[in-house]
PDB file of N, CA and C in Angstrom:
ATOM      1  N   MET A   1     -78.661   1.325 -14.892  1.00  0.00           N
ATOM      2  CA  MET A   1     -77.667   1.320 -16.046  1.00  0.00           C
ATOM      3  C   MET A   1     -76.722   0.021 -15.956  1.00  0.00           C
ATOM      4  N   CYS A   2     -76.612  -0.628 -16.978  1.00  0.00           N
ATOM      5  CA  CYS A   2     -76.093  -1.778 -17.299  1.00  0.00           C
ATOM      6  C   CYS A   2     -74.476  -1.400 -18.116  1.00  0.00           C
ATOM      7  N   PHE A   3     -73.526  -1.757 -17.378  1.00  0.00           N
ATOM      8  CA  PHE A   3     -72.168  -1.749 -18.119  1.00  0.00           C
ATOM      9  C   PHE A   3     -71.807  -2.996 -19.104  1.00  0.00           C
ATOM     10  N   SER A   4     -71.722  -2.959 -20.252  1.00  0.00           N
ATOM     11  CA  SER A   4     -71.267  -3.979 -21.175  1.00  0.00           C
ATOM     12  C   SER A   4     -70.053  -4.482 -20.639  1.00  0.00           C
ATOM     13  N   GLY A   5     -70.027  -5.775 -20.517  1.00  0.00           N
ATOM     14  CA  GLY A   5     -68.742  -6.497 -20.289  1.00  0.00           C
ATOM     15  C   GLY A   5     -68.509  -6.636 -18.853  1.00  0.00           C
ATOM     16  N   TRP A   6     -69.408  -6.308 -17.995  1.00  0.00           N
ATOM     17  CA  TRP A   6     -69.333  -6.372 -16.390  1.00  0.00           C
ATOM     18  C   TRP A   6     -69.893  -7.575 -16.180  1.00  0.00           C
ATOM     19  N   SER A   7     -69.501  -8.770 -16.442  1.00  0.00           N
ATOM     20  CA  SER A   7     -70.168 -10.038 -16.210  1.00  0.00           C
ATOM     21  C   SER A   7     -69.969 -10.755 -15.003  1.00  0.00           C
ATOM     22  N   THR A   8     -68.977 -10.577 -14.325  1.00  0.00           N
ATOM     23  CA  THR A   8     -68.874 -11.244 -13.209  1.00  0.00           C
ATOM     24  C   THR A   8     -68.121 -10.259 -11.999  1.00  0.00           C
ATOM     25  N   PHE A   9     -68.845 -10.636 -10.643  1.00  0.00           N
ATOM     26  CA  PHE A   9     -68.325  -9.762  -9.670  1.00  0.00           C
ATOM     27  C   PHE A   9     -66.848 -10.010  -9.094  1.00  0.00           C
ATOM     28  N   ASP A  10     -66.406 -11.140  -9.488  1.00  0.00           N
ATOM     29  CA  ASP A  10     -65.013 -11.699  -9.341  1.00  0.00           C
ATOM     30  C   ASP A  10     -64.289 -10.972  -9.912  1.00  0.00           C
ATOM     31  N   LYS A  11     -64.253 -10.567 -11.307  1.00  0.00           N
ATOM     32  CA  LYS A  11     -63.313  -9.798 -12.099  1.00  0.00           C
ATOM     33  C   LYS A  11     -63.625  -8.286 -11.917  1.00  0.00           C
ATOM     34  N   TYR A  12     -64.757  -8.019 -11.851  1.00  0.00           N
ATOM     35  CA  TYR A  12     -65.153  -6.744 -11.982  1.00  0.00           C
ATOM     36  C   TYR A  12     -66.069  -6.483 -10.602  1.00  0.00           C
ATOM     37  N   PRO A  13     -65.443  -6.167  -9.404  1.00  0.00           N
ATOM     38  CA  PRO A  13     -65.889  -5.830  -8.430  1.00  0.00           C
ATOM     39  C   PRO A  13     -66.923  -4.418  -8.192  1.00  0.00           C
ATOM     40  N   ARG A  14     -67.783  -4.297  -7.652  1.00  0.00           N
ATOM     41  CA  ARG A  14     -68.690  -3.084  -7.396  1.00  0.00           C
ATOM     42  C   ARG A  14     -68.998  -3.119  -5.795  1.00  0.00           C
ATOM     43  N   THR A  15     -68.902  -1.756  -5.401  1.00  0.00           N
ATOM     44  CA  THR A  15     -69.088  -1.642  -3.879  1.00  0.00           C
ATOM     45  C   THR A  15     -69.837  -0.153  -3.898  1.00  0.00           C
ATOM     46  N   LEU A  16     -70.516  -0.046  -2.616  1.00  0.00           N
ATOM     47  CA  LEU A  16     -71.031   1.158  -2.316  1.00  0.00           C
ATOM     48  C   LEU A  16     -70.404   1.821  -1.221  1.00  0.00           C
ATOM     49  N   CYS A  17     -69.759   2.985  -1.261  1.00  0.00           N
ATOM     50  CA  CYS A  17     -69.298   3.816  -0.251  1.00  0.00           C
ATOM     51  C   CYS A  17     -69.416   5.361  -0.781  1.00  0.00           C
ATOM     52  N   ASP A  18     -69.250   6.060   0.669  1.00  0.00           N
ATOM     53  CA  ASP A  18     -69.549   7.439   0.227  1.00  0.00           C
ATOM     54  C   ASP A  18     -68.130   8.237  -0.328  1.00  0.00           C
ATOM     55  N   VAL A  19     -67.810   8.239  -1.508  1.00  0.00           N
ATOM     56  CA  VAL A  19     -66.723   8.646  -1.956  1.00  0.00           C
ATOM     57  C   VAL A  19     -66.489  10.104  -1.962  1.00  0.00           C
ATOM     58  N   ASN A  20     -67.392  10.960  -2.064  1.00  0.00           N
ATOM     59  CA  ASN A  20     -67.025  12.518  -1.848  1.00  0.00           C
ATOM     60  C   ASN A  20     -67.643  12.998  -0.622  1.00  0.00           C
ATOM     61  N   GLY A  21     -67.831  12.435   0.433  1.00  0.00           N
ATOM     62  CA  GLY A  21     -67.965  12.963   1.810  1.00  0.00           C
ATOM     63  C   GLY A  21     -69.462  13.627   1.812  1.00  0.00           C
ATOM     64  N   ASP A  22     -70.396  13.406   1.319  1.00  0.00           N
ATOM     65  CA  ASP A  22     -71.701  13.998   1.215  1.00  0.00           C
ATOM     66  C   ASP A  22     -72.598  13.103   2.127  1.00  0.00           C
ATOM     67  N   GLY A  23     -72.256  12.056   2.796  1.00  0.00           N
ATOM     68  CA  GLY A  23     -73.279  11.317   3.586  1.00  0.00           C
ATOM     69  C   GLY A  23     -73.943  10.245   2.763  1.00  0.00           C
ATOM     70  N   LYS A  24     -73.790  10.266   1.482  1.00  0.00           N
ATOM     71  CA  LYS A  24     -74.713   9.532   0.617  1.00  0.00           C
ATOM     72  C   LYS A  24     -73.749   8.208  -0.017  1.00  0.00           C
ATOM     73  N   ASP A  25     -74.047   7.092  -0.218  1.00  0.00           N
ATOM     74  CA  ASP A  25     -73.427   5.990  -0.648  1.00  0.00           C
ATOM     75  C   ASP A  25     -73.467   6.251  -2.190  1.00  0.00           C
ATOM     76  N   ASP A  26     -72.225   6.245  -2.868  1.00  0.00           N
ATOM     77  CA  ASP A  26     -71.780   6.173  -4.234  1.00  0.00           C
ATOM     78  C   ASP A  26     -71.641   4.736  -4.644  1.00  0.00           C
ATOM     79  N   ILE A  27     -71.723   4.463  -5.863  1.00  0.00           N
ATOM     80  CA  ILE A  27     -71.704   3.226  -6.495  1.00  0.00           C
ATOM     81  C   ILE A  27     -69.916   3.157  -7.139  1.00  0.00           C
ATOM     82  N   VAL A  28     -69.124   2.432  -6.732  1.00  0.00           N
ATOM     83  CA  VAL A  28     -67.768   2.371  -7.298  1.00  0.00           C
ATOM     84  C   VAL A  28     -67.686   0.891  -8.005  1.00  0.00           C
ATOM     85  N   GLY A  29     -67.206   0.946  -9.331  1.00  0.00           N
ATOM     86  CA  GLY A  29     -67.126  -0.283 -10.090  1.00  0.00           C
ATOM     87  C   GLY A  29     -65.704  -0.220 -10.874  1.00  0.00           C
ATOM     88  N   PHE A  30     -65.061  -1.423 -10.566  1.00  0.00           N
ATOM     89  CA  PHE A  30     -63.853  -1.475 -11.160  1.00  0.00           C
ATOM     90  C   PHE A  30     -63.790  -2.278 -12.253  1.00  0.00           C
ATOM     91  N   GLY A  31     -63.330  -1.682 -13.262  1.00  0.00           N
ATOM     92  CA  GLY A  31     -63.385  -2.221 -14.926  1.00  0.00           C
ATOM     93  C   GLY A  31     -61.799  -2.588 -15.309  1.00  0.00           C
ATOM     94  N   ASP A  32     -61.707  -2.952 -16.549  1.00  0.00           N
ATOM     95  CA  ASP A  32     -60.250  -3.212 -17.085  1.00  0.00           C
ATOM     96  C   ASP A  32     -59.552  -1.885 -17.005  1.00  0.00           C
ATOM     97  N   ASP A  33     -60.187  -0.949 -17.458  1.00  0.00           N
ATOM     98  CA  ASP A  33     -59.345   0.358 -17.781  1.00  0.00           C
ATOM     99  C   ASP A  33     -59.407   1.545 -16.869  1.00  0.00           C
ATOM    100  N   TYR A  34     -60.483   1.427 -16.005  1.00  0.00           N
ATOM    101  CA  TYR A  34     -60.858   2.636 -15.254  1.00  0.00           C
ATOM    102  C   TYR A  34     -61.732   2.176 -14.023  1.00  0.00           C
ATOM    103  N   VAL A  35     -61.819   2.859 -12.847  1.00  0.00           N
ATOM    104  CA  VAL A  35     -62.557   2.781 -12.048  1.00  0.00           C
ATOM    105  C   VAL A  35     -63.570   3.694 -11.923  1.00  0.00           C
ATOM    106  N   TYR A  36     -64.708   3.441 -12.005  1.00  0.00           N
ATOM    107  CA  TYR A  36     -66.060   4.244 -12.453  1.00  0.00           C
ATOM    108  C   TYR A  36     -66.809   4.421 -10.983  1.00  0.00           C
ATOM    109  N   VAL A  37     -67.133   5.768 -10.920  1.00  0.00           N
ATOM    110  CA  VAL A  37     -67.845   6.151  -9.878  1.00  0.00           C
ATOM    111  C   VAL A  37     -69.447   6.975 -10.167  1.00  0.00           C
ATOM    112  N   SER A  38     -70.633   6.457  -9.689  1.00  0.00           N
ATOM    113  CA  SER A  38     -71.688   6.953  -9.999  1.00  0.00           C
ATOM    114  C   SER A  38     -72.057   7.413  -8.509  1.00  0.00           C
ATOM    115  N   PHE A  39     -72.289   8.955  -8.494  1.00  0.00           N
ATOM    116  CA  PHE A  39     -72.505   9.607  -7.393  1.00  0.00           C
ATOM    117  C   PHE A  39     -74.007   9.747  -6.837  1.00  0.00           C
ATOM    118  N   SER A  40     -74.234   9.437  -5.727  1.00  0.00           N
ATOM    119  CA  SER A  40     -75.735   9.456  -5.403  1.00  0.00           C
ATOM    120  C   SER A  40     -76.025  11.084  -5.089  1.00  0.00           C
ATOM    121  N   ASN A  41     -77.530  11.410  -5.764  1.00  0.00           N
ATOM    122  CA  ASN A  41     -77.893  12.758  -5.410  1.00  0.00           C
ATOM    123  C   ASN A  41     -78.940  12.525  -4.344  1.00  0.00           C
ATOM    124  N   GLY A  42     -79.143  11.414  -3.412  1.00  0.00           N
ATOM    125  CA  GLY A  42     -80.132  11.400  -2.749  1.00  0.00           C
ATOM    126  C   GLY A  42     -81.407  10.930  -3.318  1.00  0.00           C
ATOM    127  N   THR A  43     -81.658  10.871  -4.620  1.00  0.00           N
ATOM    128  CA  THR A  43     -83.032  10.071  -5.131  1.00  0.00           C
ATOM    129  C   THR A  43     -82.599   9.206  -6.276  1.00  0.00           C
ATOM    130  N   GLY A  44     -81.259   9.126  -6.653  1.00  0.00           N
ATOM    131  CA  GLY A  44     -80.910   8.641  -7.734  1.00  0.00           C
ATOM    132  C   GLY A  44     -79.361   8.643  -7.817  1.00  0.00           C
ATOM    133  N   PHE A  45     -78.563   8.192  -8.958  1.00  0.00           N
ATOM    134  CA  PHE A  45     -77.165   8.431  -9.020  1.00  0.00           C
ATOM    135  C   PHE A  45     -77.003   9.057 -10.322  1.00  0.00           C
ATOM    136  N   GLU A  46     -75.982   9.961 -10.223  1.00  0.00           N
ATOM    137  CA  GLU A  46     -75.477  10.514 -11.573  1.00  0.00           C
ATOM    138  C   GLU A  46     -74.756   9.877 -12.467  1.00  0.00           C
ATOM    139  N   PRO A  47     -74.908  10.090 -13.644  1.00  0.00           N
ATOM    140  CA  PRO A  47     -74.133   9.323 -14.547  1.00  0.00           C
ATOM    141  C   PRO A  47     -72.606   8.831 -14.189  1.00  0.00           C
ATOM    142  N   LYS A  48     -72.186   7.728 -14.480  1.00  0.00           N
ATOM    143  CA  LYS A  48     -70.852   7.348 -14.164  1.00  0.00           C
ATOM    144  C   LYS A  48     -69.763   8.236 -14.447  1.00  0.00           C
ATOM    145  N   GLN A  49     -68.686   8.336 -13.891  1.00  0.00           N
ATOM    146  CA  GLN A  49     -67.496   9.160 -14.238  1.00  0.00           C
ATOM    147  C   GLN A  49     -66.296   8.401 -13.874  1.00  0.00           C
ATOM    148  N   GLU A  50     -65.299   8.430 -14.999  1.00  0.00           N
ATOM    149  CA  GLU A  50     -64.178   7.406 -14.913  1.00  0.00           C
ATOM    150  C   GLU A  50     -63.202   8.201 -14.003  1.00  0.00           C
ATOM    151  N   THR A  51     -62.629   7.954 -12.896  1.00  0.00           N
ATOM    152  CA  THR A  51     -61.757   8.582 -11.884  1.00  0.00           C
ATOM    153  C   THR A  51     -60.562   8.222 -12.292  1.00  0.00           C
ATOM    154  N   THR A  52     -60.075   6.982 -12.274  1.00  0.00           N
ATOM    155  CA  THR A  52     -58.723   6.663 -12.103  1.00  0.00           C
ATOM    156  C   THR A  52     -58.484   5.259 -12.858  1.00  0.00           C
ATOM    157  N   ASN A  53     -57.078   5.407 -13.399  1.00  0.00           N
ATOM    158  CA  ASN A  53     -56.872   3.873 -13.819  1.00  0.00           C
ATOM    159  C   ASN A  53     -55.663   3.051 -12.955  1.00  0.00           C
ATOM    160  N   GLU A  54     -55.601   3.658 -11.940  1.00  0.00           N
ATOM    161  CA  GLU A  54     -54.617   3.039 -10.958  1.00  0.00           C
ATOM    162  C   GLU A  54     -54.936   1.967 -10.476  1.00  0.00           C
ATOM    163  N   PHE A  55     -56.002   1.672 -10.203  1.00  0.00           N
ATOM    164  CA  PHE A  55     -56.512   0.265  -9.563  1.00  0.00           C
ATOM    165  C   PHE A  55     -57.621  -0.528 -10.433  1.00  0.00           C
ATOM    166  N   THR A  56     -56.722  -1.005 -11.714  1.00  0.00           N
ATOM    167  CA  THR A  56     -57.597  -1.750 -12.628  1.00  0.00           C
ATOM    168  C   THR A  56     -56.686  -3.010 -13.029  1.00  0.00           C
ATOM    169  N   ILE A  57     -57.437  -3.740 -13.727  1.00  0.00           N
ATOM    170  CA  ILE A  57     -56.771  -4.882 -14.025  1.00  0.00           C
ATOM    171  C   ILE A  57     -55.555  -4.617 -15.176  1.00  0.00           C
ATOM    172  N   GLN A  58     -55.651  -3.640 -15.823  1.00  0.00           N
ATOM    173  CA  GLN A  58     -54.714  -3.467 -17.048  1.00  0.00           C
ATOM    174  C   GLN A  58     -53.313  -2.926 -16.133  1.00  0.00           C
ATOM    175  N   GLN A  59     -53.559  -2.179 -14.940  1.00  0.00           N
ATOM    176  CA  GLN A  59     -52.348  -1.738 -14.463  1.00  0.00           C
ATOM    177  C   GLN A  59     -51.862  -2.833 -13.509  1.00  0.00           C
ATOM    178  N   GLY A  60     -52.477  -3.904 -13.360  1.00  0.00           N
ATOM    179  CA  GLY A  60     -52.236  -5.020 -12.504  1.00  0.00           C
ATOM    180  C   GLY A  60     -52.221  -4.856 -10.933  1.00  0.00           C
ATOM    181  N   SER A  61     -53.132  -3.676 -10.336  1.00  0.00           N
ATOM    182  CA  SER A  61     -53.201  -3.525  -9.232  1.00  0.00           C
ATOM    183  C   SER A  61     -54.068  -4.458  -8.178  1.00  0.00           C
ATOM    184  N   PHE A  62     -54.725  -5.095  -9.008  1.00  0.00           N
ATOM    185  CA  PHE A  62     -55.817  -6.373  -8.414  1.00  0.00           C
ATOM    186  C   PHE A  62     -55.725  -7.217  -9.497  1.00  0.00           C
ATOM    187  N   SER A  63     -56.066  -8.790  -8.930  1.00  0.00           N
ATOM    188  CA  SER A  63     -56.162  -9.700  -9.990  1.00  0.00           C
ATOM    189  C   SER A  63     -57.673 -10.372  -9.614  1.00  0.00           C
ATOM    190  N   SER A  64     -57.825 -10.962 -10.794  1.00  0.00           N
ATOM    191  CA  SER A  64     -59.342 -11.675 -10.786  1.00  0.00           C
ATOM    192  C   SER A  64     -59.223 -12.946 -10.068  1.00  0.00           C
TER     193      SER A  64
END
C-alpha cells in the first residue's frame, strides 16, 4: 500500500516495531496529521489505522 504524500523518509519516518505485544513487527508511519499503524497478522498487514495525532508535524512534536 502506498500512502500519497509520503515522499521522504526524513519528513515522514516509518519504522517496524511490535506495537500491540503479539510478537510480530507492525509498521508505524508518521504523517502530517496522524501516526499510522498497520498491524501484522503473521502473513501480511491489516489496513492502516490512525492512532494518535500527538507526535506529528502539525503538533510540532518532531521536526523534519
